[in-house]
Amino acid sequence: MKKTKIILAGDSTVQTYKLSDAPQCGWGAELYKYFDALDVCIRHSKGSSFDNAVSYETSSVIIDNRAMAGRSLKSFSDEGRWQDLIKDVSNGDYVLIQSAHNDAYKEKEERYLSPSEYKERLKKEYVEAILSKGAVPVLVTAIAMKDFDDNKVCRISFPEYRDKMMELAEEMKLELIDLGKETAQYNTKIGEEACKGIYMNLDKDMFESAPLGKEDNAHLKFEGAFVYAGFVAKRLKEIIGV
Protein backbone atom coordinates (compact mmCIF):
# COMPACT_ATOMS: atom_id res chain seq x y z
CA MET A 1 0.00 0.00 0.00
CA LYS A 2 1.40 3.39 -1.02
CA LYS A 3 2.05 5.74 1.87
CA THR A 4 0.63 9.25 1.84
CA LYS A 5 3.39 11.77 1.16
CA ILE A 6 3.19 15.21 2.75
CA ILE A 7 5.76 17.82 1.73
CA LEU A 8 6.27 21.05 3.68
CA ALA A 9 7.47 24.38 2.31
CA GLY A 10 7.83 27.14 4.85
CA ASP A 11 9.96 29.26 7.14
CA SER A 12 11.54 29.11 10.60
CA THR A 13 8.23 28.36 12.32
CA VAL A 14 7.94 25.16 10.27
CA GLN A 15 11.60 24.12 9.96
CA THR A 16 13.33 21.14 11.57
CA TYR A 17 16.27 22.28 13.72
CA LYS A 18 19.45 20.67 14.99
CA LEU A 19 19.55 19.60 18.64
CA SER A 20 22.08 22.36 19.28
CA ASP A 21 19.29 24.88 18.59
CA ALA A 22 17.04 23.47 21.33
CA PRO A 23 14.48 24.35 22.50
CA GLN A 24 13.63 26.07 19.20
CA CYS A 25 11.41 23.89 17.05
CA GLY A 26 9.15 24.28 14.03
CA TRP A 27 5.74 22.61 13.83
CA GLY A 28 6.91 20.67 10.77
CA ALA A 29 9.25 18.68 13.00
CA GLU A 30 6.39 17.63 15.29
CA LEU A 31 3.75 16.79 12.70
CA TYR A 32 4.72 13.11 12.40
CA LYS A 33 3.77 12.57 16.04
CA TYR A 34 0.13 12.72 15.01
CA PHE A 35 0.66 9.93 12.44
CA ASP A 36 1.80 6.63 13.99
CA ALA A 37 4.68 8.25 15.85
CA LEU A 38 5.80 5.02 17.57
CA ASP A 39 7.02 3.68 14.25
CA VAL A 40 9.12 6.40 12.62
CA CYS A 41 12.33 6.65 10.60
CA ILE A 42 13.93 10.11 10.57
CA ARG A 43 16.59 10.90 7.96
CA HIS A 44 17.74 13.43 5.40
CA SER A 45 15.21 13.88 2.61
CA LYS A 46 16.02 11.70 -0.37
CA GLY A 47 16.79 13.76 -3.46
CA SER A 48 17.27 17.10 -1.70
CA SER A 49 20.55 18.97 -2.02
CA PHE A 50 19.82 21.08 1.08
CA ASP A 51 21.11 19.93 4.47
CA ASN A 52 18.06 21.10 6.40
CA ALA A 53 15.62 18.84 4.51
CA VAL A 54 14.38 16.11 6.86
CA SER A 55 12.03 13.20 6.14
CA TYR A 56 9.84 11.45 8.73
CA GLU A 57 8.48 8.09 7.60
CA THR A 58 5.88 6.27 9.68
CA SER A 59 3.81 3.21 8.87
CA SER A 60 1.22 5.36 7.09
CA VAL A 61 2.83 8.63 5.93
CA ILE A 62 6.03 10.25 4.71
CA ILE A 63 6.43 13.84 5.91
CA ASP A 64 9.17 15.64 3.99
CA ASN A 65 10.05 18.93 5.70
CA ARG A 66 11.83 21.35 3.33
CA ALA A 67 11.09 24.51 5.34
CA MET A 68 13.98 26.90 6.01
CA ALA A 69 14.37 29.86 8.34
CA GLY A 70 14.37 33.36 6.91
CA ARG A 71 12.83 32.42 3.58
CA SER A 72 9.87 33.99 1.83
CA LEU A 73 8.14 32.74 -1.31
CA LYS A 74 10.65 34.89 -3.19
CA SER A 75 13.88 33.77 -1.53
CA PHE A 76 12.77 30.14 -1.20
CA SER A 77 12.51 30.09 -4.98
CA ASP A 78 15.49 32.31 -5.77
CA GLU A 79 17.78 29.99 -3.80
CA GLY A 80 16.54 26.96 -5.73
CA ARG A 81 14.72 25.45 -2.76
CA TRP A 82 11.35 25.38 -4.50
CA GLN A 83 12.84 23.76 -7.60
CA ASP A 84 14.57 21.21 -5.35
CA LEU A 85 11.21 20.43 -3.74
CA ILE A 86 8.88 20.36 -6.74
CA LYS A 87 11.03 17.86 -8.65
CA ASP A 88 10.24 15.31 -5.94
CA VAL A 89 6.46 15.87 -6.01
CA SER A 90 4.37 13.06 -7.50
CA ASN A 91 0.73 12.48 -8.32
CA GLY A 92 -1.39 12.29 -5.17
CA ASP A 93 1.13 14.00 -2.87
CA TYR A 94 0.08 16.83 -0.54
CA VAL A 95 2.22 19.98 -0.53
CA LEU A 96 1.70 22.38 2.38
CA ILE A 97 2.86 25.97 1.96
CA GLN A 98 3.14 28.40 4.87
CA SER A 99 4.68 31.79 4.20
CA ALA A 100 4.25 35.43 5.28
CA HIS A 101 6.64 36.15 8.16
CA ASN A 102 9.51 36.95 5.81
CA ASP A 103 7.49 38.05 2.77
CA ALA A 104 6.29 41.03 4.81
CA TYR A 105 9.82 42.09 5.85
CA LYS A 106 10.38 45.28 3.82
CA GLU A 107 13.88 45.79 5.19
CA LYS A 108 15.10 42.66 3.38
CA GLU A 109 14.81 43.24 -0.36
CA GLU A 110 15.72 39.63 -1.14
CA ARG A 111 12.68 38.49 0.83
CA TYR A 112 10.01 41.14 0.46
CA LEU A 113 6.86 40.76 -1.58
CA SER A 114 3.89 43.10 -1.42
CA PRO A 115 0.60 41.33 -0.60
CA SER A 116 -0.45 41.43 -4.26
CA GLU A 117 2.95 40.13 -5.43
CA TYR A 118 2.72 37.44 -2.77
CA LYS A 119 -0.62 36.22 -4.08
CA GLU A 120 0.56 36.22 -7.69
CA ARG A 121 3.76 34.34 -6.91
CA LEU A 122 1.94 31.84 -4.74
CA LYS A 123 -0.45 31.14 -7.58
CA LYS A 124 1.84 31.14 -10.61
CA GLU A 125 5.02 29.60 -9.24
CA TYR A 126 3.80 27.41 -6.42
CA VAL A 127 0.17 26.31 -6.74
CA GLU A 128 0.15 25.86 -10.51
CA ALA A 129 3.37 23.81 -10.35
CA ILE A 130 1.85 21.52 -7.71
CA LEU A 131 -1.33 21.06 -9.70
CA SER A 132 0.66 20.26 -12.84
CA LYS A 133 2.17 17.31 -10.96
CA GLY A 134 -1.24 15.95 -10.03
CA ALA A 135 -0.56 16.79 -6.39
CA VAL A 136 -2.73 18.64 -3.89
CA PRO A 137 -1.68 22.13 -2.72
CA VAL A 138 -2.67 22.96 0.85
CA LEU A 139 -2.27 26.61 1.81
CA VAL A 140 -1.44 27.32 5.46
CA THR A 141 -1.79 30.81 6.91
CA ALA A 142 1.17 31.97 9.02
CA ILE A 143 1.14 31.20 12.74
CA ALA A 144 0.34 34.02 15.12
CA MET A 145 3.15 35.68 17.01
CA LYS A 146 2.83 36.36 20.72
CA ASP A 147 1.24 39.72 20.11
CA PHE A 148 -1.62 40.80 22.40
CA ASP A 149 -3.79 43.92 22.29
CA ASP A 150 -5.03 45.94 25.28
CA ASN A 151 -8.01 43.60 25.61
CA LYS A 152 -5.73 40.58 26.04
CA VAL A 153 -6.60 39.24 22.61
CA CYS A 154 -3.80 37.76 20.51
CA ARG A 155 -3.70 39.43 17.10
CA ILE A 156 -3.66 37.47 13.85
CA SER A 157 -0.24 38.15 12.33
CA PHE A 158 0.28 39.46 8.79
CA PRO A 159 -3.45 39.86 8.09
CA GLU A 160 -2.93 41.30 4.59
CA TYR A 161 -1.02 38.19 3.53
CA ARG A 162 -3.54 35.91 5.20
CA ASP A 163 -6.30 37.66 3.27
CA LYS A 164 -4.48 37.14 -0.03
CA MET A 165 -3.88 33.47 0.70
CA MET A 166 -7.52 32.98 1.59
CA GLU A 167 -8.60 34.85 -1.55
CA LEU A 168 -6.49 32.53 -3.69
CA ALA A 169 -7.85 29.45 -1.95
CA GLU A 170 -11.40 30.63 -2.60
CA GLU A 171 -10.75 31.57 -6.23
CA MET A 172 -9.01 28.30 -7.11
CA LYS A 173 -11.03 26.07 -4.76
CA LEU A 174 -7.90 25.03 -2.88
CA GLU A 175 -7.55 23.38 0.51
CA LEU A 176 -6.61 25.81 3.27
CA ILE A 177 -5.59 25.47 6.91
CA ASP A 178 -6.17 28.75 8.74
CA LEU A 179 -3.37 28.20 11.22
CA GLY A 180 -3.04 31.93 11.81
CA LYS A 181 -6.57 32.15 13.19
CA GLU A 182 -6.33 28.92 15.18
CA THR A 183 -3.06 29.85 16.86
CA ALA A 184 -4.26 33.37 17.68
CA GLN A 185 -7.40 31.93 19.26
CA TYR A 186 -5.37 29.40 21.21
CA ASN A 187 -3.00 32.09 22.50
CA THR A 188 -5.94 34.24 23.58
CA LYS A 189 -7.43 31.28 25.42
CA ILE A 190 -4.32 30.43 27.43
CA GLY A 191 -3.23 34.05 27.94
CA GLU A 192 -0.06 36.04 27.36
CA GLU A 193 1.80 34.75 30.41
CA ALA A 194 1.21 31.09 29.49
CA CYS A 195 2.35 31.85 25.94
CA LYS A 196 5.86 32.37 27.28
CA GLY A 197 5.95 28.59 27.69
CA ILE A 198 5.40 27.93 23.99
CA TYR A 199 7.36 30.78 22.38
CA MET A 200 11.12 31.31 22.65
CA ASN A 201 11.01 33.36 25.84
CA LEU A 202 14.09 32.11 27.70
CA ASP A 203 15.72 33.14 30.95
CA LYS A 204 19.48 33.56 31.17
CA ASP A 205 21.48 30.31 31.34
CA MET A 206 18.44 28.12 30.65
CA PHE A 207 19.80 26.69 27.40
CA GLU A 208 23.21 26.48 25.77
CA SER A 209 21.72 27.86 22.56
CA ALA A 210 20.84 31.14 24.33
CA PRO A 211 23.11 31.66 27.35
CA LEU A 212 22.08 35.31 27.68
CA GLY A 213 18.40 34.48 27.49
CA LYS A 214 15.98 35.48 24.75
CA GLU A 215 12.71 37.37 24.27
CA ASP A 216 11.50 35.96 20.96
CA ASN A 217 7.78 36.23 20.34
CA ALA A 218 7.80 34.72 16.84
CA HIS A 219 9.52 31.35 17.15
CA LEU A 220 8.38 28.25 18.97
CA LYS A 221 9.70 25.94 21.65
CA PHE A 222 9.06 22.19 21.41
CA GLU A 223 5.82 22.61 23.37
CA GLY A 224 4.44 25.23 21.00
CA ALA A 225 5.51 23.36 17.90
CA PHE A 226 3.75 20.22 19.11
CA VAL A 227 0.49 22.03 19.89
CA TYR A 228 0.50 23.91 16.58
CA ALA A 229 1.33 20.74 14.65
CA GLY A 230 -1.81 19.28 16.20
CA PHE A 231 -3.93 22.00 14.61
CA VAL A 232 -2.37 21.24 11.23
CA ALA A 233 -2.75 17.48 11.66
CA LYS A 234 -6.42 17.66 12.57
CA ARG A 235 -7.34 19.62 9.45
CA LEU A 236 -4.90 17.72 7.25
CA LYS A 237 -6.46 14.38 8.21
CA GLU A 238 -9.83 15.77 7.14
CA ILE A 239 -8.36 16.79 3.78
CA ILE A 240 -6.64 13.45 3.24
CA GLY A 241 -9.63 11.51 4.54
CA VAL A 242 -8.01 9.46 7.29
C-alpha atoms as a PDB file:
ATOM      1  CA  MET A   1       0.000   0.000   0.000  1.00  0.00           C
ATOM      2  CA  LYS A   2       1.398   3.392  -1.025  1.00  0.00           C
ATOM      3  CA  LYS A   3       2.052   5.736   1.870  1.00  0.00           C
ATOM      4  CA  THR A   4       0.632   9.247   1.841  1.00  0.00           C
ATOM      5  CA  LYS A   5       3.394  11.773   1.156  1.00  0.00           C
ATOM      6  CA  ILE A   6       3.191  15.210   2.746  1.00  0.00           C
ATOM      7  CA  ILE A   7       5.764  17.821   1.729  1.00  0.00           C
ATOM      8  CA  LEU A   8       6.270  21.047   3.679  1.00  0.00           C
ATOM      9  CA  ALA A   9       7.474  24.379   2.311  1.00  0.00           C
ATOM     10  CA  GLY A  10       7.830  27.144   4.851  1.00  0.00           C
ATOM     11  CA  ASP A  11       9.959  29.261   7.139  1.00  0.00           C
ATOM     12  CA  SER A  12      11.538  29.106  10.599  1.00  0.00           C
ATOM     13  CA  THR A  13       8.229  28.364  12.315  1.00  0.00           C
ATOM     14  CA  VAL A  14       7.938  25.155  10.268  1.00  0.00           C
ATOM     15  CA  GLN A  15      11.596  24.118   9.963  1.00  0.00           C
ATOM     16  CA  THR A  16      13.332  21.135  11.567  1.00  0.00           C
ATOM     17  CA  TYR A  17      16.273  22.276  13.719  1.00  0.00           C
ATOM     18  CA  LYS A  18      19.449  20.668  14.991  1.00  0.00           C
ATOM     19  CA  LEU A  19      19.555  19.596  18.638  1.00  0.00           C
ATOM     20  CA  SER A  20      22.081  22.359  19.280  1.00  0.00           C
ATOM     21  CA  ASP A  21      19.291  24.875  18.587  1.00  0.00           C
ATOM     22  CA  ALA A  22      17.038  23.468  21.331  1.00  0.00           C
ATOM     23  CA  PRO A  23      14.484  24.350  22.502  1.00  0.00           C
ATOM     24  CA  GLN A  24      13.629  26.074  19.202  1.00  0.00           C
ATOM     25  CA  CYS A  25      11.408  23.893  17.047  1.00  0.00           C
ATOM     26  CA  GLY A  26       9.147  24.285  14.026  1.00  0.00           C
ATOM     27  CA  TRP A  27       5.741  22.609  13.829  1.00  0.00           C
ATOM     28  CA  GLY A  28       6.906  20.667  10.772  1.00  0.00           C
ATOM     29  CA  ALA A  29       9.250  18.680  13.005  1.00  0.00           C
ATOM     30  CA  GLU A  30       6.394  17.635  15.293  1.00  0.00           C
ATOM     31  CA  LEU A  31       3.754  16.789  12.695  1.00  0.00           C
ATOM     32  CA  TYR A  32       4.717  13.112  12.400  1.00  0.00           C
ATOM     33  CA  LYS A  33       3.771  12.567  16.044  1.00  0.00           C
ATOM     34  CA  TYR A  34       0.129  12.718  15.009  1.00  0.00           C
ATOM     35  CA  PHE A  35       0.664   9.929  12.440  1.00  0.00           C
ATOM     36  CA  ASP A  36       1.803   6.633  13.990  1.00  0.00           C
ATOM     37  CA  ALA A  37       4.683   8.246  15.854  1.00  0.00           C
ATOM     38  CA  LEU A  38       5.804   5.022  17.565  1.00  0.00           C
ATOM     39  CA  ASP A  39       7.021   3.683  14.247  1.00  0.00           C
ATOM     40  CA  VAL A  40       9.119   6.403  12.617  1.00  0.00           C
ATOM     41  CA  CYS A  41      12.331   6.654  10.596  1.00  0.00           C
ATOM     42  CA  ILE A  42      13.933  10.111  10.566  1.00  0.00           C
ATOM     43  CA  ARG A  43      16.587  10.896   7.963  1.00  0.00           C
ATOM     44  CA  HIS A  44      17.744  13.431   5.402  1.00  0.00           C
ATOM     45  CA  SER A  45      15.213  13.876   2.609  1.00  0.00           C
ATOM     46  CA  LYS A  46      16.020  11.703  -0.374  1.00  0.00           C
ATOM     47  CA  GLY A  47      16.795  13.756  -3.457  1.00  0.00           C
ATOM     48  CA  SER A  48      17.270  17.098  -1.697  1.00  0.00           C
ATOM     49  CA  SER A  49      20.546  18.970  -2.021  1.00  0.00           C
ATOM     50  CA  PHE A  50      19.821  21.081   1.077  1.00  0.00           C
ATOM     51  CA  ASP A  51      21.108  19.926   4.471  1.00  0.00           C
ATOM     52  CA  ASN A  52      18.062  21.099   6.405  1.00  0.00           C
ATOM     53  CA  ALA A  53      15.623  18.837   4.513  1.00  0.00           C
ATOM     54  CA  VAL A  54      14.378  16.110   6.865  1.00  0.00           C
ATOM     55  CA  SER A  55      12.032  13.199   6.145  1.00  0.00           C
ATOM     56  CA  TYR A  56       9.844  11.452   8.729  1.00  0.00           C
ATOM     57  CA  GLU A  57       8.477   8.093   7.601  1.00  0.00           C
ATOM     58  CA  THR A  58       5.876   6.270   9.679  1.00  0.00           C
ATOM     59  CA  SER A  59       3.807   3.209   8.874  1.00  0.00           C
ATOM     60  CA  SER A  60       1.221   5.359   7.088  1.00  0.00           C
ATOM     61  CA  VAL A  61       2.833   8.625   5.928  1.00  0.00           C
ATOM     62  CA  ILE A  62       6.026  10.254   4.712  1.00  0.00           C
ATOM     63  CA  ILE A  63       6.430  13.844   5.910  1.00  0.00           C
ATOM     64  CA  ASP A  64       9.173  15.642   3.990  1.00  0.00           C
ATOM     65  CA  ASN A  65      10.049  18.933   5.696  1.00  0.00           C
ATOM     66  CA  ARG A  66      11.834  21.346   3.327  1.00  0.00           C
ATOM     67  CA  ALA A  67      11.092  24.511   5.336  1.00  0.00           C
ATOM     68  CA  MET A  68      13.976  26.904   6.007  1.00  0.00           C
ATOM     69  CA  ALA A  69      14.372  29.864   8.343  1.00  0.00           C
ATOM     70  CA  GLY A  70      14.374  33.357   6.912  1.00  0.00           C
ATOM     71  CA  ARG A  71      12.827  32.417   3.584  1.00  0.00           C
ATOM     72  CA  SER A  72       9.866  33.986   1.834  1.00  0.00           C
ATOM     73  CA  LEU A  73       8.144  32.745  -1.305  1.00  0.00           C
ATOM     74  CA  LYS A  74      10.648  34.887  -3.186  1.00  0.00           C
ATOM     75  CA  SER A  75      13.880  33.773  -1.532  1.00  0.00           C
ATOM     76  CA  PHE A  76      12.766  30.144  -1.201  1.00  0.00           C
ATOM     77  CA  SER A  77      12.506  30.091  -4.975  1.00  0.00           C
ATOM     78  CA  ASP A  78      15.489  32.314  -5.775  1.00  0.00           C
ATOM     79  CA  GLU A  79      17.777  29.994  -3.799  1.00  0.00           C
ATOM     80  CA  GLY A  80      16.540  26.960  -5.725  1.00  0.00           C
ATOM     81  CA  ARG A  81      14.716  25.454  -2.759  1.00  0.00           C
ATOM     82  CA  TRP A  82      11.348  25.379  -4.498  1.00  0.00           C
ATOM     83  CA  GLN A  83      12.840  23.758  -7.600  1.00  0.00           C
ATOM     84  CA  ASP A  84      14.565  21.213  -5.355  1.00  0.00           C
ATOM     85  CA  LEU A  85      11.213  20.426  -3.742  1.00  0.00           C
ATOM     86  CA  ILE A  86       8.884  20.360  -6.744  1.00  0.00           C
ATOM     87  CA  LYS A  87      11.027  17.860  -8.647  1.00  0.00           C
ATOM     88  CA  ASP A  88      10.238  15.310  -5.935  1.00  0.00           C
ATOM     89  CA  VAL A  89       6.464  15.866  -6.010  1.00  0.00           C
ATOM     90  CA  SER A  90       4.370  13.065  -7.495  1.00  0.00           C
ATOM     91  CA  ASN A  91       0.728  12.477  -8.324  1.00  0.00           C
ATOM     92  CA  GLY A  92      -1.385  12.293  -5.166  1.00  0.00           C
ATOM     93  CA  ASP A  93       1.133  13.996  -2.869  1.00  0.00           C
ATOM     94  CA  TYR A  94       0.084  16.826  -0.539  1.00  0.00           C
ATOM     95  CA  VAL A  95       2.220  19.979  -0.534  1.00  0.00           C
ATOM     96  CA  LEU A  96       1.700  22.376   2.381  1.00  0.00           C
ATOM     97  CA  ILE A  97       2.858  25.970   1.956  1.00  0.00           C
ATOM     98  CA  GLN A  98       3.142  28.403   4.869  1.00  0.00           C
ATOM     99  CA  SER A  99       4.683  31.792   4.196  1.00  0.00           C
ATOM    100  CA  ALA A 100       4.247  35.430   5.276  1.00  0.00           C
ATOM    101  CA  HIS A 101       6.641  36.152   8.161  1.00  0.00           C
ATOM    102  CA  ASN A 102       9.507  36.952   5.807  1.00  0.00           C
ATOM    103  CA  ASP A 103       7.494  38.048   2.775  1.00  0.00           C
ATOM    104  CA  ALA A 104       6.295  41.035   4.811  1.00  0.00           C
ATOM    105  CA  TYR A 105       9.824  42.087   5.845  1.00  0.00           C
ATOM    106  CA  LYS A 106      10.378  45.284   3.819  1.00  0.00           C
ATOM    107  CA  GLU A 107      13.884  45.793   5.194  1.00  0.00           C
ATOM    108  CA  LYS A 108      15.096  42.661   3.379  1.00  0.00           C
ATOM    109  CA  GLU A 109      14.815  43.243  -0.364  1.00  0.00           C
ATOM    110  CA  GLU A 110      15.723  39.633  -1.140  1.00  0.00           C
ATOM    111  CA  ARG A 111      12.678  38.487   0.834  1.00  0.00           C
ATOM    112  CA  TYR A 112      10.014  41.140   0.464  1.00  0.00           C
ATOM    113  CA  LEU A 113       6.855  40.758  -1.583  1.00  0.00           C
ATOM    114  CA  SER A 114       3.888  43.097  -1.419  1.00  0.00           C
ATOM    115  CA  PRO A 115       0.596  41.331  -0.601  1.00  0.00           C
ATOM    116  CA  SER A 116      -0.452  41.434  -4.263  1.00  0.00           C
ATOM    117  CA  GLU A 117       2.948  40.131  -5.430  1.00  0.00           C
ATOM    118  CA  TYR A 118       2.719  37.438  -2.765  1.00  0.00           C
ATOM    119  CA  LYS A 119      -0.622  36.219  -4.078  1.00  0.00           C
ATOM    120  CA  GLU A 120       0.559  36.223  -7.691  1.00  0.00           C
ATOM    121  CA  ARG A 121       3.764  34.338  -6.913  1.00  0.00           C
ATOM    122  CA  LEU A 122       1.936  31.837  -4.736  1.00  0.00           C
ATOM    123  CA  LYS A 123      -0.452  31.135  -7.580  1.00  0.00           C
ATOM    124  CA  LYS A 124       1.836  31.135 -10.608  1.00  0.00           C
ATOM    125  CA  GLU A 125       5.015  29.604  -9.239  1.00  0.00           C
ATOM    126  CA  TYR A 126       3.797  27.406  -6.421  1.00  0.00           C
ATOM    127  CA  VAL A 127       0.170  26.314  -6.739  1.00  0.00           C
ATOM    128  CA  GLU A 128       0.154  25.863 -10.513  1.00  0.00           C
ATOM    129  CA  ALA A 129       3.366  23.814 -10.347  1.00  0.00           C
ATOM    130  CA  ILE A 130       1.854  21.523  -7.713  1.00  0.00           C
ATOM    131  CA  LEU A 131      -1.329  21.057  -9.699  1.00  0.00           C
ATOM    132  CA  SER A 132       0.660  20.265 -12.836  1.00  0.00           C
ATOM    133  CA  LYS A 133       2.173  17.309 -10.959  1.00  0.00           C
ATOM    134  CA  GLY A 134      -1.244  15.951 -10.032  1.00  0.00           C
ATOM    135  CA  ALA A 135      -0.564  16.787  -6.388  1.00  0.00           C
ATOM    136  CA  VAL A 136      -2.733  18.638  -3.888  1.00  0.00           C
ATOM    137  CA  PRO A 137      -1.680  22.128  -2.719  1.00  0.00           C
ATOM    138  CA  VAL A 138      -2.667  22.958   0.851  1.00  0.00           C
ATOM    139  CA  LEU A 139      -2.275  26.611   1.814  1.00  0.00           C
ATOM    140  CA  VAL A 140      -1.439  27.324   5.462  1.00  0.00           C
ATOM    141  CA  THR A 141      -1.791  30.807   6.911  1.00  0.00           C
ATOM    142  CA  ALA A 142       1.171  31.969   9.022  1.00  0.00           C
ATOM    143  CA  ILE A 143       1.143  31.204  12.742  1.00  0.00           C
ATOM    144  CA  ALA A 144       0.342  34.023  15.123  1.00  0.00           C
ATOM    145  CA  MET A 145       3.153  35.685  17.007  1.00  0.00           C
ATOM    146  CA  LYS A 146       2.833  36.355  20.725  1.00  0.00           C
ATOM    147  CA  ASP A 147       1.236  39.716  20.107  1.00  0.00           C
ATOM    148  CA  PHE A 148      -1.615  40.803  22.398  1.00  0.00           C
ATOM    149  CA  ASP A 149      -3.785  43.924  22.292  1.00  0.00           C
ATOM    150  CA  ASP A 150      -5.034  45.937  25.275  1.00  0.00           C
ATOM    151  CA  ASN A 151      -8.014  43.601  25.605  1.00  0.00           C
ATOM    152  CA  LYS A 152      -5.731  40.581  26.041  1.00  0.00           C
ATOM    153  CA  VAL A 153      -6.603  39.238  22.607  1.00  0.00           C
ATOM    154  CA  CYS A 154      -3.800  37.764  20.510  1.00  0.00           C
ATOM    155  CA  ARG A 155      -3.702  39.426  17.102  1.00  0.00           C
ATOM    156  CA  ILE A 156      -3.657  37.466  13.849  1.00  0.00           C
ATOM    157  CA  SER A 157      -0.238  38.149  12.328  1.00  0.00           C
ATOM    158  CA  PHE A 158       0.281  39.455   8.793  1.00  0.00           C
ATOM    159  CA  PRO A 159      -3.453  39.865   8.091  1.00  0.00           C
ATOM    160  CA  GLU A 160      -2.928  41.297   4.589  1.00  0.00           C
ATOM    161  CA  TYR A 161      -1.016  38.193   3.534  1.00  0.00           C
ATOM    162  CA  ARG A 162      -3.538  35.911   5.205  1.00  0.00           C
ATOM    163  CA  ASP A 163      -6.304  37.659   3.269  1.00  0.00           C
ATOM    164  CA  LYS A 164      -4.479  37.142  -0.035  1.00  0.00           C
ATOM    165  CA  MET A 165      -3.879  33.472   0.697  1.00  0.00           C
ATOM    166  CA  MET A 166      -7.516  32.980   1.590  1.00  0.00           C
ATOM    167  CA  GLU A 167      -8.599  34.851  -1.553  1.00  0.00           C
ATOM    168  CA  LEU A 168      -6.490  32.534  -3.692  1.00  0.00           C
ATOM    169  CA  ALA A 169      -7.852  29.448  -1.948  1.00  0.00           C
ATOM    170  CA  GLU A 170     -11.398  30.630  -2.602  1.00  0.00           C
ATOM    171  CA  GLU A 171     -10.754  31.575  -6.232  1.00  0.00           C
ATOM    172  CA  MET A 172      -9.005  28.304  -7.111  1.00  0.00           C
ATOM    173  CA  LYS A 173     -11.032  26.074  -4.761  1.00  0.00           C
ATOM    174  CA  LEU A 174      -7.897  25.032  -2.877  1.00  0.00           C
ATOM    175  CA  GLU A 175      -7.550  23.376   0.506  1.00  0.00           C
ATOM    176  CA  LEU A 176      -6.607  25.810   3.275  1.00  0.00           C
ATOM    177  CA  ILE A 177      -5.594  25.470   6.911  1.00  0.00           C
ATOM    178  CA  ASP A 178      -6.171  28.753   8.739  1.00  0.00           C
ATOM    179  CA  LEU A 179      -3.373  28.199  11.215  1.00  0.00           C
ATOM    180  CA  GLY A 180      -3.040  31.927  11.814  1.00  0.00           C
ATOM    181  CA  LYS A 181      -6.571  32.148  13.186  1.00  0.00           C
ATOM    182  CA  GLU A 182      -6.332  28.917  15.184  1.00  0.00           C
ATOM    183  CA  THR A 183      -3.056  29.849  16.864  1.00  0.00           C
ATOM    184  CA  ALA A 184      -4.260  33.375  17.679  1.00  0.00           C
ATOM    185  CA  GLN A 185      -7.405  31.934  19.261  1.00  0.00           C
ATOM    186  CA  TYR A 186      -5.366  29.404  21.213  1.00  0.00           C
ATOM    187  CA  ASN A 187      -2.999  32.087  22.496  1.00  0.00           C
ATOM    188  CA  THR A 188      -5.939  34.237  23.581  1.00  0.00           C
ATOM    189  CA  LYS A 189      -7.435  31.276  25.417  1.00  0.00           C
ATOM    190  CA  ILE A 190      -4.315  30.427  27.428  1.00  0.00           C
ATOM    191  CA  GLY A 191      -3.229  34.050  27.936  1.00  0.00           C
ATOM    192  CA  GLU A 192      -0.062  36.042  27.361  1.00  0.00           C
ATOM    193  CA  GLU A 193       1.798  34.753  30.409  1.00  0.00           C
ATOM    194  CA  ALA A 194       1.206  31.092  29.492  1.00  0.00           C
ATOM    195  CA  CYS A 195       2.348  31.845  25.942  1.00  0.00           C
ATOM    196  CA  LYS A 196       5.857  32.367  27.280  1.00  0.00           C
ATOM    197  CA  GLY A 197       5.949  28.591  27.694  1.00  0.00           C
ATOM    198  CA  ILE A 198       5.402  27.929  23.989  1.00  0.00           C
ATOM    199  CA  TYR A 199       7.363  30.781  22.375  1.00  0.00           C
ATOM    200  CA  MET A 200      11.116  31.309  22.650  1.00  0.00           C
ATOM    201  CA  ASN A 201      11.011  33.361  25.836  1.00  0.00           C
ATOM    202  CA  LEU A 202      14.090  32.109  27.696  1.00  0.00           C
ATOM    203  CA  ASP A 203      15.725  33.143  30.946  1.00  0.00           C
ATOM    204  CA  LYS A 204      19.478  33.560  31.169  1.00  0.00           C
ATOM    205  CA  ASP A 205      21.479  30.306  31.338  1.00  0.00           C
ATOM    206  CA  MET A 206      18.440  28.117  30.647  1.00  0.00           C
ATOM    207  CA  PHE A 207      19.796  26.692  27.400  1.00  0.00           C
ATOM    208  CA  GLU A 208      23.209  26.481  25.772  1.00  0.00           C
ATOM    209  CA  SER A 209      21.718  27.864  22.556  1.00  0.00           C
ATOM    210  CA  ALA A 210      20.840  31.142  24.331  1.00  0.00           C
ATOM    211  CA  PRO A 211      23.113  31.655  27.350  1.00  0.00           C
ATOM    212  CA  LEU A 212      22.082  35.312  27.678  1.00  0.00           C
ATOM    213  CA  GLY A 213      18.401  34.485  27.486  1.00  0.00           C
ATOM    214  CA  LYS A 214      15.976  35.478  24.752  1.00  0.00           C
ATOM    215  CA  GLU A 215      12.710  37.365  24.270  1.00  0.00           C
ATOM    216  CA  ASP A 216      11.498  35.959  20.963  1.00  0.00           C
ATOM    217  CA  ASN A 217       7.776  36.225  20.344  1.00  0.00           C
ATOM    218  CA  ALA A 218       7.799  34.721  16.836  1.00  0.00           C
ATOM    219  CA  HIS A 219       9.522  31.348  17.147  1.00  0.00           C
ATOM    220  CA  LEU A 220       8.376  28.249  18.974  1.00  0.00           C
ATOM    221  CA  LYS A 221       9.704  25.936  21.653  1.00  0.00           C
ATOM    222  CA  PHE A 222       9.060  22.191  21.413  1.00  0.00           C
ATOM    223  CA  GLU A 223       5.821  22.609  23.366  1.00  0.00           C
ATOM    224  CA  GLY A 224       4.435  25.228  21.002  1.00  0.00           C
ATOM    225  CA  ALA A 225       5.511  23.357  17.901  1.00  0.00           C
ATOM    226  CA  PHE A 226       3.747  20.225  19.113  1.00  0.00           C
ATOM    227  CA  VAL A 227       0.493  22.033  19.892  1.00  0.00           C
ATOM    228  CA  TYR A 228       0.499  23.905  16.583  1.00  0.00           C
ATOM    229  CA  ALA A 229       1.330  20.742  14.650  1.00  0.00           C
ATOM    230  CA  GLY A 230      -1.809  19.279  16.199  1.00  0.00           C
ATOM    231  CA  PHE A 231      -3.926  22.004  14.612  1.00  0.00           C
ATOM    232  CA  VAL A 232      -2.367  21.244  11.228  1.00  0.00           C
ATOM    233  CA  ALA A 233      -2.749  17.478  11.661  1.00  0.00           C
ATOM    234  CA  LYS A 234      -6.422  17.660  12.574  1.00  0.00           C
ATOM    235  CA  ARG A 235      -7.336  19.622   9.449  1.00  0.00           C
ATOM    236  CA  LEU A 236      -4.901  17.719   7.254  1.00  0.00           C
ATOM    237  CA  LYS A 237      -6.463  14.381   8.212  1.00  0.00           C
ATOM    238  CA  GLU A 238      -9.830  15.773   7.142  1.00  0.00           C
ATOM    239  CA  ILE A 239      -8.359  16.789   3.783  1.00  0.00           C
ATOM    240  CA  ILE A 240      -6.645  13.450   3.240  1.00  0.00           C
ATOM    241  CA  GLY A 241      -9.630  11.512   4.536  1.00  0.00           C
ATOM    242  CA  VAL A 242      -8.010   9.458   7.286  1.00  0.00           C
END
